[in-house]
């Protein structure tokens, strides 16, 4: 489908990715010169464009990963390498109801909203209105509107006692052990909890509280390392730089009220 006015596109080669919203009369300015937006309107995705100084770039519709890395932010984000694991280890599916604590700049919400689809429901808490506003703008910029299956709440996930019937809970908050009562009330039996934390000492505290609660099992913690490779002719080696530690992911399953054996 040819590019149209107002659409998000990404200009890319093997090393750079530049996100733009196509606007007649505007320019993309780069170190290698500029590209007129008017020259891109009407092209097909995958077309080659050149800057005013001859630099060749491809132009595509952006992936969600492209967008998340480049979108405006008021805080650190959960990066795509961790979001992918959250979606798979958390087994988040179309139609699921997901409770989120801590919206940040909206990276996690974008991934969850797309995963659960319009048949699902996402309820997200944050204690800061400015973070809710930032997340809302980033979500609207990606979807073109605020999805109807999203509910944003100004409030403290640690004290969100009225929530129930959720298939999954994802926490991006500094003291998730304070939300154990919320988790117990919110998750259905067999539901999956995921927590994102930067410090292993936070993870130890959270894991200890989960173990002592008696209502969560199969608790595991992991981190994701991402390393690209350089492959050019006979030159085959790991890239000199890699995306190392960003945070720890802790997963657990909600147990039934029956006594756990095993």
Protein backbone atom coordinates (compact mmCIF):
# COMPACT_ATOMS: atom_id res chain seq x y z
CA UNK A 1 0.00 0.00 0.00
CA UNK A 2 1.55 3.36 -1.00
CA UNK A 3 2.54 5.73 1.77
CA UNK A 4 -0.02 8.41 2.59
CA UNK A 5 0.02 11.72 4.42
CA UNK A 6 0.09 11.37 8.20
CA UNK A 7 1.47 7.83 8.26
CA UNK A 8 4.45 6.78 10.35
CA UNK A 9 7.43 5.50 8.37
CA UNK A 10 10.96 4.46 9.23
CA UNK A 11 14.02 5.32 7.15
CA UNK A 12 16.62 2.63 7.68
CA UNK A 13 19.81 0.90 6.68
CA UNK A 14 21.74 -1.80 8.54
CA UNK A 15 22.77 0.62 11.29
CA UNK A 16 20.28 3.47 11.56
CA UNK A 17 16.52 3.75 11.91
CA UNK A 18 14.81 7.15 11.76
CA UNK A 19 11.11 7.47 12.55
CA UNK A 20 9.01 10.13 10.83
CA UNK A 21 5.34 11.00 10.31
CA UNK A 22 4.86 11.96 6.66
CA UNK A 23 3.79 15.59 6.31
CA UNK A 24 3.66 17.47 2.98
CA UNK A 25 6.34 20.14 2.83
CA UNK A 26 8.38 18.66 5.70
CA UNK A 27 11.90 17.25 5.56
CA UNK A 28 13.81 14.51 7.33
CA UNK A 29 17.16 16.06 8.30
CA UNK A 30 20.10 13.70 8.76
CA UNK A 31 23.88 13.83 9.05
CA UNK A 32 23.95 12.90 5.35
CA UNK A 33 21.57 15.62 4.13
CA UNK A 34 17.78 15.73 3.96
CA UNK A 35 14.89 13.85 2.38
CA UNK A 36 11.71 15.62 1.31
CA UNK A 37 8.57 13.97 2.68
CA UNK A 38 6.85 14.81 -0.61
CA UNK A 39 9.30 12.47 -2.37
CA UNK A 40 8.17 9.58 -0.15
CA UNK A 41 4.40 10.06 -0.41
CA UNK A 42 3.02 7.53 -2.89
CA UNK A 43 6.02 5.18 -2.73
CA UNK A 44 5.63 1.51 -1.82
CA UNK A 45 7.11 0.13 1.44
CA UNK A 46 10.63 -1.14 0.79
CA UNK A 47 11.45 1.65 -1.65
CA UNK A 48 14.92 3.16 -1.77
CA UNK A 49 15.28 6.90 -1.22
CA UNK A 50 18.38 9.07 -1.23
CA UNK A 51 19.29 12.07 0.88
CA UNK A 52 20.35 15.36 -0.69
CA UNK A 53 23.96 14.15 -0.35
CA UNK A 54 23.33 10.73 -1.87
CA UNK A 55 22.98 8.53 1.22
CA UNK A 56 20.76 5.54 0.39
CA UNK A 57 18.03 4.55 2.84
CA UNK A 58 15.11 2.16 2.70
CA UNK A 59 11.68 3.33 3.76
CA UNK A 60 9.20 0.99 5.48
CA UNK A 61 6.25 1.08 7.80
CA UNK A 62 7.82 0.82 11.29
CA UNK A 63 7.60 -2.30 13.40
CA UNK A 64 6.31 -1.85 16.93
CA UNK A 65 9.90 -2.36 18.08
CA UNK A 66 11.06 0.52 15.85
CA UNK A 67 8.36 2.76 17.29
CA UNK A 68 8.95 1.91 20.94
CA UNK A 69 12.68 2.63 20.76
CA UNK A 70 12.13 6.01 19.06
CA UNK A 71 8.92 7.28 20.68
CA UNK A 72 8.96 10.21 23.15
CA UNK A 73 9.49 9.21 26.75
CA UNK A 74 9.41 10.66 30.24
CA UNK A 75 10.99 7.61 31.85
CA UNK A 76 12.98 4.51 31.09
CA UNK A 77 11.10 1.90 29.08
CA UNK A 78 10.88 -1.87 28.99
CA UNK A 79 12.83 -2.65 25.82
CA UNK A 80 11.60 -4.91 22.99
CA UNK A 81 13.96 -7.75 23.94
CA UNK A 82 12.22 -7.97 27.34
CA UNK A 83 8.74 -7.29 25.97
CA UNK A 84 9.01 -10.32 23.70
CA UNK A 85 9.83 -12.59 26.63
CA UNK A 86 7.01 -11.08 28.70
CA UNK A 87 4.52 -11.86 25.93
CA UNK A 88 5.73 -15.47 25.57
CA UNK A 89 6.63 -16.44 29.16
CA UNK A 90 3.49 -14.68 30.31
CA UNK A 91 1.52 -16.51 27.60
CA UNK A 92 -0.53 -13.39 26.87
CA UNK A 93 -3.22 -14.21 24.30
CA UNK A 94 -6.01 -12.52 22.34
CA UNK A 95 -9.00 -11.98 24.61
CA UNK A 96 -7.03 -11.95 27.86
CA UNK A 97 -7.74 -9.48 30.65
CA UNK A 98 -4.45 -7.93 31.81
CA UNK A 99 -3.81 -5.69 34.81
CA UNK A 100 -0.72 -3.47 34.58
CA UNK A 101 0.96 -1.60 37.41
CA UNK A 102 3.20 1.27 36.25
CA UNK A 103 2.58 2.61 32.73
CA UNK A 104 5.84 4.53 32.24
CA UNK A 105 5.96 5.98 28.74
CA UNK A 106 3.68 3.26 27.36
CA UNK A 107 6.04 0.68 25.83
CA UNK A 108 4.61 -2.21 27.86
CA UNK A 109 1.03 -1.11 27.22
CA UNK A 110 1.60 -0.96 23.46
CA UNK A 111 2.84 -4.55 23.40
CA UNK A 112 0.05 -5.85 25.65
CA UNK A 113 -2.72 -3.99 23.81
CA UNK A 114 -1.67 -5.45 20.48
CA UNK A 115 -1.32 -8.93 21.96
CA UNK A 116 -4.74 -9.13 23.64
CA UNK A 117 -6.57 -7.47 20.74
CA UNK A 118 -9.95 -5.77 20.87
CA UNK A 119 -11.52 -8.87 22.44
CA UNK A 120 -9.28 -8.40 25.48
CA UNK A 121 -9.06 -5.76 28.18
CA UNK A 122 -6.11 -3.86 29.67
CA UNK A 123 -6.43 -1.92 32.93
CA UNK A 124 -3.35 0.11 33.85
CA UNK A 125 -2.47 2.06 37.00
CA UNK A 126 0.06 4.80 37.60
CA UNK A 127 0.43 7.27 40.48
CA UNK A 128 1.52 10.10 38.16
CA UNK A 129 -0.88 11.84 35.80
CA UNK A 130 1.99 13.08 33.62
CA UNK A 131 3.05 9.48 32.98
CA UNK A 132 -0.50 8.49 32.11
CA UNK A 133 -0.66 11.43 29.70
CA UNK A 134 2.67 10.52 28.09
CA UNK A 135 1.63 6.89 27.66
CA UNK A 136 -1.74 7.96 26.25
CA UNK A 137 -0.12 10.18 23.60
CA UNK A 138 2.33 7.45 22.54
CA UNK A 139 -0.47 4.90 22.30
CA UNK A 140 -2.66 7.26 20.26
CA UNK A 141 0.26 8.04 17.94
CA UNK A 142 0.75 4.32 17.21
CA UNK A 143 -2.85 3.15 16.91
CA UNK A 144 -4.24 6.42 15.53
CA UNK A 145 -6.70 6.54 18.46
CA UNK A 146 -6.97 5.49 22.09
CA UNK A 147 -8.01 1.81 22.00
CA UNK A 148 -11.39 1.09 23.55
CA UNK A 149 -10.01 -1.98 25.33
CA UNK A 150 -7.65 0.17 27.43
CA UNK A 151 -8.56 1.75 30.77
CA UNK A 152 -6.02 4.07 32.38
CA UNK A 153 -6.37 4.77 36.10
CA UNK A 154 -4.64 7.35 38.29
CA UNK A 155 -3.96 5.36 41.43
CA UNK A 156 -1.64 3.08 43.38
CA UNK A 157 -1.44 -0.55 42.24
CA UNK A 158 -0.31 -1.43 45.78
CA UNK A 159 -3.76 -0.45 47.03
CA UNK A 160 -5.93 -1.46 44.05
CA UNK A 161 -8.04 -3.86 46.07
CA UNK A 162 -11.15 -3.78 43.89
CA UNK A 163 -9.67 -5.47 40.81
CA UNK A 164 -10.51 -9.11 40.04
CA UNK A 165 -10.91 -11.59 37.22
CA UNK A 166 -7.61 -10.92 35.42
CA UNK A 167 -5.76 -13.60 33.46
CA UNK A 168 -2.42 -11.83 33.79
CA UNK A 169 -0.81 -9.13 35.94
CA UNK A 170 2.35 -7.27 34.88
CA UNK A 171 4.16 -4.98 37.31
CA UNK A 172 6.77 -2.33 36.47
CA UNK A 173 6.96 -0.79 39.94
CA UNK A 174 9.85 -0.53 42.43
CA UNK A 175 8.29 -2.46 45.33
CA UNK A 176 6.06 -5.17 43.82
CA UNK A 177 5.98 -7.09 47.12
CA UNK A 178 3.66 -4.37 48.39
CA UNK A 179 1.14 -5.42 45.72
CA UNK A 180 0.82 -9.08 46.79
CA UNK A 181 -2.69 -8.53 48.17
CA UNK A 182 -3.68 -6.86 44.89
CA UNK A 183 -2.19 -9.77 42.95
CA UNK A 184 -3.99 -12.35 45.06
CA UNK A 185 -7.35 -10.63 44.55
CA UNK A 186 -6.86 -9.72 40.89
CA UNK A 187 -5.54 -12.95 39.36
CA UNK A 188 -7.71 -15.93 38.53
CA UNK A 189 -6.39 -19.35 39.67
CA UNK A 190 -3.67 -20.42 37.25
CA UNK A 191 -3.11 -16.82 36.14
CA UNK A 192 0.41 -15.58 35.48
CA UNK A 193 2.23 -12.75 37.22
CA UNK A 194 5.23 -10.95 35.72
CA UNK A 195 7.38 -8.33 37.43
CA UNK A 196 10.13 -6.22 35.83
CA UNK A 197 12.84 -5.03 38.23
CA UNK A 198 16.30 -3.46 37.69
CA UNK A 199 17.97 -4.79 40.86
CA UNK A 200 18.48 -8.40 41.91
CA UNK A 201 18.03 -7.37 45.55
CA UNK A 202 14.52 -6.17 44.68
CA UNK A 203 13.96 -9.54 43.01
CA UNK A 204 15.12 -11.39 46.14
CA UNK A 205 12.71 -9.45 48.33
CA UNK A 206 9.81 -9.98 45.94
CA UNK A 207 10.51 -13.68 45.48
CA UNK A 208 10.76 -14.23 49.24
CA UNK A 209 7.39 -12.54 49.80
CA UNK A 210 5.78 -14.60 47.01
CA UNK A 211 7.17 -17.82 48.48
CA UNK A 212 5.89 -16.98 51.95
CA UNK A 213 2.45 -15.95 50.68
CA UNK A 214 1.53 -19.54 49.83
CA UNK A 215 -0.60 -18.39 46.88
CA UNK A 216 2.03 -18.40 44.13
CA UNK A 217 4.08 -21.22 42.65
CA UNK A 218 6.52 -21.96 39.80
CA UNK A 219 8.41 -18.77 40.62
CA UNK A 220 11.34 -18.09 38.29
CA UNK A 221 13.57 -15.13 37.46
CA UNK A 222 15.53 -14.51 34.28
CA UNK A 223 17.24 -11.77 32.32
CA UNK A 224 17.58 -11.38 28.57
CA UNK A 225 20.86 -10.70 26.76
CA UNK A 226 20.70 -9.71 23.09
CA UNK A 227 23.78 -10.02 20.86
CA UNK A 228 23.81 -9.38 17.12
CA UNK A 229 26.35 -10.86 14.71
CA UNK A 230 28.39 -9.30 11.92
CA UNK A 231 28.31 -11.45 8.78
CA UNK A 232 30.07 -10.10 5.70
CA UNK A 233 31.98 -12.45 3.43
CA UNK A 234 34.43 -14.39 5.57
CA UNK A 235 34.16 -11.89 8.40
CA UNK A 236 31.83 -13.65 10.84
CA UNK A 237 31.96 -12.51 14.44
CA UNK A 238 29.76 -11.16 17.23
CA UNK A 239 29.11 -7.44 17.11
CA UNK A 240 31.37 -5.48 19.41
CA UNK A 241 28.37 -4.07 21.23
CA UNK A 242 25.39 -5.92 22.66
CA UNK A 243 22.26 -5.11 24.63
CA UNK A 244 23.11 -6.57 28.00
CA UNK A 245 21.33 -6.19 31.31
CA UNK A 246 18.24 -4.00 31.33
CA UNK A 247 16.15 -5.65 34.02
CA UNK A 248 15.12 -8.90 35.70
CA UNK A 249 11.85 -10.62 34.83
CA UNK A 250 10.15 -12.65 37.55
CA UNK A 251 7.21 -14.93 36.67
CA UNK A 252 4.87 -16.86 38.95
CA UNK A 253 1.57 -18.78 38.72
CA UNK A 254 -1.44 -18.11 40.94
CA UNK A 255 -2.40 -21.22 42.93
CA UNK A 256 -5.90 -22.36 43.77
CA UNK A 257 -7.14 -22.09 47.33
CA UNK A 258 -6.41 -25.78 47.84
CA UNK A 259 -3.23 -26.68 49.62
CA UNK A 260 -0.30 -26.80 47.23
CA UNK A 261 1.52 -30.12 47.09
CA UNK A 262 4.87 -30.55 45.39
